Amino acid sequence: MKNVVDLFRELREDHDCSQKDIAAVLGISQQHYSKYEKGEYELPLRHFITLAEYYGVSADYLIGRCSYDKKKPLKTIYITRDCSCESLVQDILSLSRHGRESVVEYVELQKLKEGK
């Protein structure tokens, strides 16, 4: 079973991302993210969930309880013809906390408007 911090690094490298890229997804500094990969800090649950969603893997994989087949592509779901769920989530996660909260608020208002 692989070490959790090794899995973080491997996933990041497999997705051709830098530590700075992943730090931006998490809304933290590159230096802070580096401490997670070195095992100096424990990854908070909210970041753990964000990384699992970002990489398209299960929580079980992130803690080393199951394997991940890189050859088996994840199914891409499109919201519109040009916008996939993955790209939308990545865009939202790259926003500031206030920006992400604004997106959630907008979606809630749109649901009310449509009676859902």
N, C-alpha and C. Protein backbone atom coordinates (compact mmCIF):
# COMPACT_ATOMS: atom_id res chain seq x y z
N MET A 1 0.85 -1.18 0.00
CA MET A 1 0.00 0.00 0.00
C MET A 1 0.89 1.25 0.00
N LYS A 2 0.57 2.18 -0.89
CA LYS A 2 1.37 3.39 -1.00
C LYS A 2 1.04 4.38 0.11
N ASN A 3 2.02 5.18 0.42
CA ASN A 3 1.86 6.26 1.38
C ASN A 3 0.96 7.33 0.77
N VAL A 4 0.09 7.92 1.56
CA VAL A 4 -0.85 8.91 1.09
C VAL A 4 -0.14 10.09 0.44
N VAL A 5 0.94 10.57 1.04
CA VAL A 5 1.64 11.72 0.46
C VAL A 5 2.25 11.37 -0.89
N ASP A 6 2.69 10.11 -1.07
CA ASP A 6 3.19 9.68 -2.38
C ASP A 6 2.08 9.70 -3.42
N LEU A 7 0.88 9.33 -3.00
CA LEU A 7 -0.26 9.35 -3.92
C LEU A 7 -0.58 10.78 -4.36
N PHE A 8 -0.51 11.73 -3.45
CA PHE A 8 -0.76 13.13 -3.81
C PHE A 8 0.21 13.58 -4.90
N ARG A 9 1.48 13.30 -4.70
CA ARG A 9 2.51 13.69 -5.67
C ARG A 9 2.30 12.98 -7.00
N GLU A 10 2.05 11.67 -6.96
CA GLU A 10 1.86 10.91 -8.20
C GLU A 10 0.65 11.41 -8.98
N LEU A 11 -0.45 11.66 -8.30
CA LEU A 11 -1.63 12.17 -8.99
C LEU A 11 -1.35 13.52 -9.63
N ARG A 12 -0.70 14.38 -8.90
CA ARG A 12 -0.38 15.71 -9.43
C ARG A 12 0.49 15.58 -10.67
N GLU A 13 1.51 14.75 -10.60
CA GLU A 13 2.42 14.58 -11.74
C GLU A 13 1.72 13.88 -12.91
N ASP A 14 0.87 12.89 -12.63
CA ASP A 14 0.13 12.20 -13.68
C ASP A 14 -0.81 13.15 -14.43
N HIS A 15 -1.26 14.19 -13.75
CA HIS A 15 -2.16 15.16 -14.37
C HIS A 15 -1.40 16.39 -14.89
N ASP A 16 -0.06 16.27 -14.95
CA ASP A 16 0.80 17.34 -15.44
C ASP A 16 0.53 18.67 -14.75
N CYS A 17 0.36 18.62 -13.45
CA CYS A 17 0.11 19.83 -12.66
C CYS A 17 1.33 20.13 -11.79
N SER A 18 1.53 21.39 -11.53
CA SER A 18 2.57 21.81 -10.60
C SER A 18 1.95 21.92 -9.21
N GLN A 19 2.79 22.04 -8.20
CA GLN A 19 2.27 22.27 -6.86
C GLN A 19 1.49 23.57 -6.82
N LYS A 20 1.94 24.56 -7.56
CA LYS A 20 1.24 25.84 -7.61
C LYS A 20 -0.16 25.68 -8.20
N ASP A 21 -0.31 24.83 -9.23
CA ASP A 21 -1.62 24.58 -9.83
C ASP A 21 -2.59 23.99 -8.80
N ILE A 22 -2.11 22.99 -8.08
CA ILE A 22 -2.98 22.31 -7.11
C ILE A 22 -3.26 23.23 -5.93
N ALA A 23 -2.28 24.00 -5.53
CA ALA A 23 -2.50 24.97 -4.45
C ALA A 23 -3.60 25.94 -4.83
N ALA A 24 -3.63 26.37 -6.10
CA ALA A 24 -4.68 27.29 -6.57
C ALA A 24 -6.05 26.63 -6.50
N VAL A 25 -6.11 25.35 -6.84
CA VAL A 25 -7.39 24.62 -6.74
C VAL A 25 -7.88 24.60 -5.30
N LEU A 26 -6.95 24.44 -4.37
CA LEU A 26 -7.30 24.37 -2.95
C LEU A 26 -7.43 25.75 -2.29
N GLY A 27 -6.98 26.79 -2.99
CA GLY A 27 -7.06 28.13 -2.44
C GLY A 27 -6.02 28.39 -1.36
N ILE A 28 -4.85 27.78 -1.52
CA ILE A 28 -3.76 27.94 -0.55
C ILE A 28 -2.48 28.29 -1.32
N SER A 29 -1.41 28.57 -0.60
CA SER A 29 -0.13 28.87 -1.25
C SER A 29 0.57 27.58 -1.67
N GLN A 30 1.49 27.73 -2.62
CA GLN A 30 2.28 26.58 -3.06
C GLN A 30 3.10 26.03 -1.90
N GLN A 31 3.63 26.91 -1.07
CA GLN A 31 4.44 26.47 0.07
C GLN A 31 3.62 25.63 1.04
N HIS A 32 2.38 26.05 1.26
CA HIS A 32 1.50 25.31 2.16
C HIS A 32 1.19 23.93 1.57
N TYR A 33 0.87 23.90 0.26
CA TYR A 33 0.59 22.61 -0.38
C TYR A 33 1.81 21.69 -0.32
N SER A 34 2.99 22.26 -0.50
CA SER A 34 4.22 21.47 -0.44
C SER A 34 4.33 20.71 0.89
N LYS A 35 3.88 21.34 1.96
CA LYS A 35 3.93 20.69 3.28
C LYS A 35 3.03 19.46 3.33
N TYR A 36 1.90 19.48 2.58
CA TYR A 36 1.04 18.30 2.50
C TYR A 36 1.77 17.16 1.79
N GLU A 37 2.42 17.49 0.67
CA GLU A 37 3.12 16.44 -0.08
C GLU A 37 4.31 15.87 0.68
N LYS A 38 4.90 16.67 1.54
CA LYS A 38 6.03 16.19 2.34
C LYS A 38 5.57 15.46 3.60
N GLY A 39 4.28 15.54 3.90
CA GLY A 39 3.76 14.91 5.10
C GLY A 39 3.98 15.74 6.35
N GLU A 40 4.36 17.00 6.17
CA GLU A 40 4.58 17.87 7.33
C GLU A 40 3.28 18.39 7.92
N TYR A 41 2.26 18.54 7.07
CA TYR A 41 0.92 18.94 7.52
C TYR A 41 -0.06 17.86 7.10
N GLU A 42 -1.09 17.67 7.90
CA GLU A 42 -2.17 16.76 7.51
C GLU A 42 -3.16 17.51 6.64
N LEU A 43 -3.62 16.85 5.60
CA LEU A 43 -4.57 17.46 4.68
C LEU A 43 -5.94 17.51 5.33
N PRO A 44 -6.55 18.71 5.43
CA PRO A 44 -7.89 18.82 6.00
C PRO A 44 -8.91 18.10 5.11
N LEU A 45 -9.97 17.64 5.71
CA LEU A 45 -11.00 16.90 4.99
C LEU A 45 -11.52 17.68 3.78
N ARG A 46 -11.73 18.99 3.92
CA ARG A 46 -12.27 19.78 2.80
C ARG A 46 -11.33 19.74 1.60
N HIS A 47 -10.01 19.76 1.84
CA HIS A 47 -9.05 19.68 0.75
C HIS A 47 -8.99 18.25 0.19
N PHE A 48 -9.12 17.29 1.05
CA PHE A 48 -9.13 15.89 0.66
C PHE A 48 -10.26 15.65 -0.35
N ILE A 49 -11.44 16.13 -0.03
CA ILE A 49 -12.61 15.98 -0.90
C ILE A 49 -12.39 16.72 -2.22
N THR A 50 -11.86 17.93 -2.13
CA THR A 50 -11.60 18.72 -3.34
C THR A 50 -10.63 18.00 -4.27
N LEU A 51 -9.57 17.42 -3.71
CA LEU A 51 -8.59 16.71 -4.54
C LEU A 51 -9.19 15.45 -5.16
N ALA A 52 -9.99 14.72 -4.41
CA ALA A 52 -10.63 13.52 -4.96
C ALA A 52 -11.51 13.91 -6.15
N GLU A 53 -12.28 14.98 -5.99
CA GLU A 53 -13.15 15.44 -7.08
C GLU A 53 -12.32 15.97 -8.25
N TYR A 54 -11.31 16.74 -7.96
CA TYR A 54 -10.46 17.33 -9.00
C TYR A 54 -9.80 16.24 -9.85
N TYR A 55 -9.24 15.23 -9.20
CA TYR A 55 -8.55 14.17 -9.92
C TYR A 55 -9.49 13.09 -10.44
N GLY A 56 -10.75 13.10 -10.01
CA GLY A 56 -11.70 12.10 -10.46
C GLY A 56 -11.41 10.72 -9.90
N VAL A 57 -10.99 10.68 -8.65
CA VAL A 57 -10.70 9.41 -7.98
C VAL A 57 -11.56 9.31 -6.72
N SER A 58 -11.63 8.12 -6.18
CA SER A 58 -12.41 7.92 -4.96
C SER A 58 -11.58 8.29 -3.74
N ALA A 59 -12.28 8.51 -2.66
CA ALA A 59 -11.60 8.75 -1.38
C ALA A 59 -10.79 7.51 -1.00
N ASP A 60 -11.32 6.34 -1.29
CA ASP A 60 -10.59 5.10 -1.01
C ASP A 60 -9.24 5.08 -1.72
N TYR A 61 -9.21 5.55 -2.95
CA TYR A 61 -7.93 5.58 -3.66
C TYR A 61 -6.96 6.55 -2.98
N LEU A 62 -7.46 7.71 -2.59
CA LEU A 62 -6.58 8.71 -1.98
C LEU A 62 -5.97 8.23 -0.67
N ILE A 63 -6.65 7.35 0.04
CA ILE A 63 -6.07 6.83 1.28
C ILE A 63 -5.38 5.48 1.07
N GLY A 64 -5.27 5.08 -0.21
CA GLY A 64 -4.51 3.88 -0.54
C GLY A 64 -5.25 2.57 -0.38
N ARG A 65 -6.57 2.61 -0.36
CA ARG A 65 -7.35 1.39 -0.15
C ARG A 65 -7.76 0.69 -1.44
N CYS A 66 -7.58 1.33 -2.59
CA CYS A 66 -7.90 0.67 -3.85
C CYS A 66 -7.00 1.25 -4.93
N SER A 67 -6.99 0.60 -6.09
CA SER A 67 -6.12 1.05 -7.17
C SER A 67 -6.87 1.97 -8.13
N TYR A 68 -6.11 2.59 -9.00
CA TYR A 68 -6.65 3.53 -9.98
C TYR A 68 -6.08 3.14 -11.33
N ASP A 69 -6.92 2.93 -12.30
CA ASP A 69 -6.49 2.55 -13.64
C ASP A 69 -6.41 3.78 -14.52
N LYS A 70 -5.20 4.26 -14.79
CA LYS A 70 -5.02 5.46 -15.60
C LYS A 70 -5.48 5.24 -17.04
N LYS A 71 -5.49 3.97 -17.49
CA LYS A 71 -5.88 3.68 -18.86
C LYS A 71 -7.39 3.73 -19.06
N LYS A 72 -8.13 3.60 -18.00
CA LYS A 72 -9.59 3.62 -18.08
C LYS A 72 -10.05 5.07 -17.92
N PRO A 73 -10.46 5.68 -19.02
CA PRO A 73 -10.85 7.09 -18.92
C PRO A 73 -12.14 7.26 -18.13
N LEU A 74 -12.21 8.38 -17.44
CA LEU A 74 -13.44 8.71 -16.74
C LEU A 74 -14.45 9.22 -17.75
N LYS A 75 -15.71 8.93 -17.53
CA LYS A 75 -16.76 9.38 -18.42
C LYS A 75 -16.90 10.90 -18.28
N THR A 76 -16.87 11.58 -19.41
CA THR A 76 -17.03 13.03 -19.40
C THR A 76 -18.50 13.37 -19.54
N ILE A 77 -18.99 14.18 -18.64
CA ILE A 77 -20.37 14.62 -18.66
C ILE A 77 -20.38 16.09 -19.05
N TYR A 78 -21.21 16.43 -20.05
CA TYR A 78 -21.27 17.80 -20.53
C TYR A 78 -22.53 18.50 -20.00
N ILE A 79 -22.33 19.71 -19.54
CA ILE A 79 -23.44 20.55 -19.07
C ILE A 79 -24.07 21.23 -20.27
N THR A 80 -23.23 21.75 -21.15
CA THR A 80 -23.65 22.29 -22.44
C THR A 80 -22.73 21.65 -23.47
N ARG A 81 -22.95 21.96 -24.73
CA ARG A 81 -22.15 21.35 -25.79
C ARG A 81 -20.65 21.62 -25.60
N ASP A 82 -20.31 22.78 -25.06
CA ASP A 82 -18.91 23.18 -24.94
C ASP A 82 -18.36 23.17 -23.52
N CYS A 83 -19.17 22.79 -22.54
CA CYS A 83 -18.73 22.88 -21.14
C CYS A 83 -18.95 21.55 -20.42
N SER A 84 -17.85 20.92 -20.04
CA SER A 84 -17.95 19.66 -19.29
C SER A 84 -18.06 19.96 -17.81
N CYS A 85 -18.59 18.99 -17.07
CA CYS A 85 -18.67 19.14 -15.61
C CYS A 85 -17.28 19.35 -15.03
N GLU A 86 -16.33 18.58 -15.52
CA GLU A 86 -14.97 18.69 -14.99
C GLU A 86 -14.40 20.09 -15.18
N SER A 87 -14.56 20.66 -16.39
CA SER A 87 -14.00 21.99 -16.62
C SER A 87 -14.72 23.04 -15.79
N LEU A 88 -16.03 22.89 -15.63
CA LEU A 88 -16.78 23.85 -14.81
C LEU A 88 -16.33 23.77 -13.35
N VAL A 89 -16.18 22.56 -12.83
CA VAL A 89 -15.73 22.40 -11.45
C VAL A 89 -14.33 22.98 -11.28
N GLN A 90 -13.44 22.72 -12.23
CA GLN A 90 -12.09 23.27 -12.14
C GLN A 90 -12.12 24.79 -12.14
N ASP A 91 -12.97 25.36 -13.00
CA ASP A 91 -13.08 26.83 -13.04
C ASP A 91 -13.60 27.37 -11.72
N ILE A 92 -14.61 26.72 -11.16
CA ILE A 92 -15.18 27.19 -9.90
C ILE A 92 -14.16 27.07 -8.78
N LEU A 93 -13.44 25.93 -8.74
CA LEU A 93 -12.45 25.72 -7.68
C LEU A 93 -11.28 26.69 -7.78
N SER A 94 -11.04 27.23 -8.97
CA SER A 94 -9.93 28.18 -9.12
C SER A 94 -10.30 29.58 -8.62
N LEU A 95 -11.59 29.80 -8.36
CA LEU A 95 -12.04 31.10 -7.86
C LEU A 95 -11.68 31.28 -6.38
N SER A 96 -11.73 32.51 -5.93
CA SER A 96 -11.55 32.78 -4.51
C SER A 96 -12.73 32.18 -3.74
N ARG A 97 -12.61 32.13 -2.44
CA ARG A 97 -13.70 31.61 -1.61
C ARG A 97 -14.98 32.42 -1.84
N HIS A 98 -14.83 33.73 -1.90
CA HIS A 98 -15.99 34.59 -2.15
C HIS A 98 -16.60 34.29 -3.52
N GLY A 99 -15.75 34.10 -4.51
CA GLY A 99 -16.23 33.77 -5.85
C GLY A 99 -16.98 32.46 -5.89
N ARG A 100 -16.45 31.44 -5.18
CA ARG A 100 -17.13 30.14 -5.13
C ARG A 100 -18.47 30.26 -4.43
N GLU A 101 -18.51 31.04 -3.34
CA GLU A 101 -19.77 31.25 -2.63
C GLU A 101 -20.78 31.98 -3.51
N SER A 102 -20.31 32.91 -4.32
CA SER A 102 -21.20 33.63 -5.24
C SER A 102 -21.80 32.70 -6.28
N VAL A 103 -20.99 31.76 -6.78
CA VAL A 103 -21.49 30.79 -7.76
C VAL A 103 -22.59 29.94 -7.13
N VAL A 104 -22.36 29.46 -5.91
CA VAL A 104 -23.37 28.65 -5.22
C VAL A 104 -24.64 29.46 -5.01
N GLU A 105 -24.48 30.70 -4.60
CA GLU A 105 -25.64 31.57 -4.39
C GLU A 105 -26.41 31.78 -5.70
N TYR A 106 -25.69 31.98 -6.79
CA TYR A 106 -26.34 32.16 -8.08
C TYR A 106 -27.13 30.91 -8.48
N VAL A 107 -26.56 29.75 -8.28
CA VAL A 107 -27.25 28.51 -8.62
C VAL A 107 -28.53 28.37 -7.79
N GLU A 108 -28.44 28.68 -6.51
CA GLU A 108 -29.63 28.61 -5.65
C GLU A 108 -30.70 29.58 -6.13
N LEU A 109 -30.32 30.78 -6.50
CA LEU A 109 -31.28 31.76 -7.01
C LEU A 109 -31.90 31.29 -8.33
N GLN A 110 -31.09 30.70 -9.19
CA GLN A 110 -31.60 30.19 -10.46
C GLN A 110 -32.58 29.04 -10.23
N LYS A 111 -32.30 28.17 -9.25
CA LYS A 111 -33.23 27.08 -8.92
C LYS A 111 -34.56 27.64 -8.44
N LEU A 112 -34.52 28.67 -7.60
CA LEU A 112 -35.75 29.31 -7.13
C LEU A 112 -36.53 29.90 -8.30
N LYS A 113 -35.83 30.56 -9.19
CA LYS A 113 -36.45 31.17 -10.35
C LYS A 113 -37.15 30.13 -11.21
N GLU A 114 -36.56 28.95 -11.33
CA GLU A 114 -37.13 27.89 -12.14
C GLU A 114 -38.08 26.99 -11.36
N GLY A 115 -38.29 27.31 -10.09
CA GLY A 115 -39.22 26.54 -9.27
C GLY A 115 -38.74 25.15 -8.91
N LYS A 116 -37.46 24.99 -8.72
CA LYS A 116 -36.91 23.67 -8.38
C LYS A 116 -36.42 23.63 -6.97
